Amino acid sequence: MAAEPGWNGYAPLARINLARPRAFCERLTALGVANSVGTYHLTSCDQRPMFSDFADTPCRIAASFIESLLAVVMTEHDDDKRIRRYADIITREAVAWTSRC
């Protein structure tokens, strides 16, 4: 009998149209919103050591895509209250970021 798969979490994706999106994601991390870029430093595959022999130059399209991506990491511990808090922080910070940059 195969084991039943357990919770694997999920990450809603959003495209960021802000100046310096990676810095914005890092700001969200500092405020407690775990995300793929700011927290886990997501990079394109061609920048990973295991693939470096296959890429002569970095793929600008992949890098641009990753830079504009916000994937908020969520787990089974994130209830409606916490998800609302994340949404409020992201909204507030996006507005503030736009006025600063």
Protein backbone atom coordinates (compact mmCIF):
# COMPACT_ATOMS: atom_id res chain seq x y z
CA MET A 1 0.00 0.00 0.00
CA ALA A 2 1.39 3.39 -1.00
CA ALA A 3 1.72 6.07 1.64
CA GLU A 4 -0.78 8.89 1.40
CA PRO A 5 0.91 12.09 0.27
CA GLY A 6 1.23 14.70 2.99
CA TRP A 7 0.82 18.44 2.88
CA ASN A 8 3.31 20.04 0.55
CA GLY A 9 2.30 23.66 1.02
CA TYR A 10 1.56 26.05 -1.80
CA ALA A 11 2.66 29.41 -3.05
CA PRO A 12 0.26 31.79 -4.78
CA LEU A 13 2.07 33.60 -7.58
CA ALA A 14 1.89 37.28 -8.45
CA ARG A 15 3.80 39.36 -10.93
CA ILE A 16 5.49 42.41 -9.42
CA ASN A 17 5.55 45.59 -11.48
CA LEU A 18 7.63 47.63 -9.05
CA ALA A 19 11.10 49.09 -9.21
CA ARG A 20 13.72 46.74 -7.73
CA PRO A 21 11.37 43.75 -7.27
CA ARG A 22 14.01 41.55 -5.58
CA ALA A 23 14.61 44.24 -2.95
CA PHE A 24 10.84 44.49 -2.48
CA CYS A 25 10.66 40.73 -1.86
CA GLU A 26 13.53 41.01 0.63
CA ARG A 27 11.58 43.77 2.41
CA LEU A 28 8.56 41.45 2.67
CA THR A 29 10.80 38.75 4.16
CA ALA A 30 11.99 41.22 6.80
CA LEU A 31 8.33 41.84 7.68
CA GLY A 32 7.58 38.13 8.08
CA VAL A 33 6.14 37.29 4.65
CA ALA A 34 8.15 34.29 3.45
CA ASN A 35 8.53 34.27 -0.32
CA SER A 36 10.49 32.49 -3.01
CA VAL A 37 12.76 35.36 -3.99
CA GLY A 38 13.32 37.33 -0.77
CA THR A 39 13.49 34.39 1.61
CA TYR A 40 14.74 31.48 -0.49
CA HIS A 41 16.70 33.51 -3.09
CA LEU A 42 15.09 31.84 -6.09
CA THR A 43 17.25 32.01 -9.20
CA SER A 44 16.84 30.63 -12.71
CA CYS A 45 18.09 27.10 -13.43
CA ASP A 46 20.87 28.28 -15.70
CA GLN A 47 22.45 29.99 -12.68
CA ARG A 48 22.56 26.79 -10.61
CA PRO A 49 25.98 25.08 -10.39
CA MET A 50 24.64 21.78 -11.80
CA PHE A 51 23.63 23.53 -15.06
CA SER A 52 26.46 26.04 -15.39
CA ASP A 53 28.33 23.86 -17.91
CA PHE A 54 25.37 24.14 -20.30
CA ALA A 55 24.88 27.91 -20.24
CA ASP A 56 27.44 30.14 -21.89
CA THR A 57 25.65 33.30 -20.77
CA PRO A 58 22.85 33.89 -18.28
CA CYS A 59 19.33 33.66 -19.69
CA ARG A 60 18.03 37.23 -19.41
CA ILE A 61 14.42 36.16 -20.02
CA ALA A 62 14.49 33.62 -17.19
CA ALA A 63 16.19 36.10 -14.86
CA SER A 64 13.65 38.80 -15.71
CA PHE A 65 10.78 36.42 -15.06
CA ILE A 66 12.17 35.33 -11.69
CA GLU A 67 12.87 38.95 -10.69
CA SER A 68 9.25 39.93 -11.29
CA LEU A 69 7.76 36.95 -9.43
CA LEU A 70 6.31 36.99 -5.93
CA ALA A 71 5.48 33.52 -4.65
CA VAL A 72 4.27 33.75 -1.06
CA VAL A 73 5.11 30.53 0.75
CA MET A 74 2.22 29.10 2.77
CA THR A 75 1.80 25.98 4.87
CA GLU A 76 -0.94 24.22 6.77
CA HIS A 77 -0.19 26.57 9.69
CA ASP A 78 -1.33 29.63 7.73
CA ASP A 79 -4.93 30.23 8.74
CA ASP A 80 -7.23 32.90 7.31
CA LYS A 81 -5.99 35.47 9.83
CA ARG A 82 -2.35 34.99 8.87
CA ILE A 83 -3.14 35.02 5.13
CA ARG A 84 -5.06 38.29 5.61
CA ARG A 85 -2.03 39.68 7.47
CA TYR A 86 0.24 38.73 4.55
CA ALA A 87 -2.15 40.40 2.09
CA ASP A 88 -2.29 43.55 4.20
CA ILE A 89 1.51 43.73 4.49
CA ILE A 90 2.02 43.18 0.76
CA THR A 91 -0.57 45.82 -0.14
CA ARG A 92 0.75 48.38 2.34
CA GLU A 93 4.37 47.83 1.33
CA ALA A 94 3.62 47.95 -2.41
CA VAL A 95 1.95 51.35 -1.99
CA ALA A 96 4.83 52.63 0.14
CA TRP A 97 7.41 51.17 -2.25
CA THR A 98 5.82 52.95 -5.20
CA SER A 99 6.01 56.30 -3.42
CA ARG A 100 9.67 55.74 -2.38
CA CYS A 101 11.04 54.62 -5.75
